[in-house]
């Protein structure tokens, strides 16, 4: 009997032990499952809007990065609604999306006057206070994004510069001096207009960079930094000079009807000697042409002005929408995608495609022509924020689309500035 009781007691102890072991096993399984939940959460769909589309050479790299992220995070699907910034369509889309409560979860957008309404309405998060957001590795370019309230709502990807792109081969073949001064610039227009080479590849309506650089040439940095309300006389003079140079044959005959992409293509095909563009242009210039191209600062003739000042900066950044950040199902995924896209490795991958200055790290083994552009910025007396980024978008649109009327003589630069200032 004692043996039987002992055996029964032993069986009972073993049964309890097995039950406890099973329970521990279940707990361990639950912990493991809980850990996997961080990786295998409920399916998430993120909408992303950027300007990396169309002819932007960063578009293909960006698509590759999104595919890599989705592969590492199979529970996340991404709807890429990127649009070209050339015609301002991205501005219309963003404004429409935010006003209709349909904002993208993550966007790469202009951190300029365009974003003021979105920021003031609390539609995007302060990145410095957002849990999990990694802003390490940034330098001065991040500080340039700081808003007037002292907060950071956007993280830069690359910096940029604008300038006068010149085909040195065409200048040499036609015996024309490079336009390093205003006098040489006007002489180049005169000489090329007497050949089958278009002096300046430009659209007079889609004239973002032409307007900005002619204003800079006429006024120097001090006047260039004026507000639209000033109706600065140098801006008006710059606009009038566009009309003057059109009469000299500076631009394509159909400059009033072609867009910026069509104008740029004339330069790419070596049918034009000069082009006003931004550093992103390198990615679309054919390699066999790019080796003959150099970028120069706008020659400034204004009294007190200094040739060497450059239009540029970092006017775009990554924003996280407040709506996505406060959505518990999306929060982790959108922060993770933000950190992935703004890592030094991936910022450099995009910068390599565009030739622009990366916001983190530095490019090595740059082609000579692109290195010259980076040097131009390093040596600039000042780097000036584009007029387009400082004034009401509708006002700048009115200015650039009025250039054909200045060319035709129907309006003066002063007329156009007064009309634009009335919109603000």
Foldseek 3Di string as FASTA:
>chain_A
DVVVVVVVVVVVVVVVVVVVVVVVVVVVVVVVVVVCCVQVPAAEEFEEEEQLDDLQLLVVLVVVLQVVLCVSRVSYHYHYPYHHPLVPVSLVVQVVCVVVVNHGQKYKFFLFPSCVVCVVVQFFDQQVPFPLFDPPQFDVLQVVSQDPVRTHFFDFLFKKWWFKKFQQVVCVVQVQDDPLAPVSLLVQLLSCLVDQAQAELAALQSHQQQLLLLLCQQAADVQSPDALLVLGPSSLVSLLVLLVSVVSRNYDPVSPPDHLVVSVVCVLVRSYGIYIDMLLCVLVRDPVRLVRMAGAHRHHDYVVHDGLAIAMGGRIGMTGTPVQCPPVSRNVVSSVSNCSCRPQVNSVVSCVNRLGAGSGDGDPPDDPRSVNVVVSVVPGPYHHYRSCRHHDVVLVSQLSNCSVVSNVVVDGSSRSSVVSSVVD
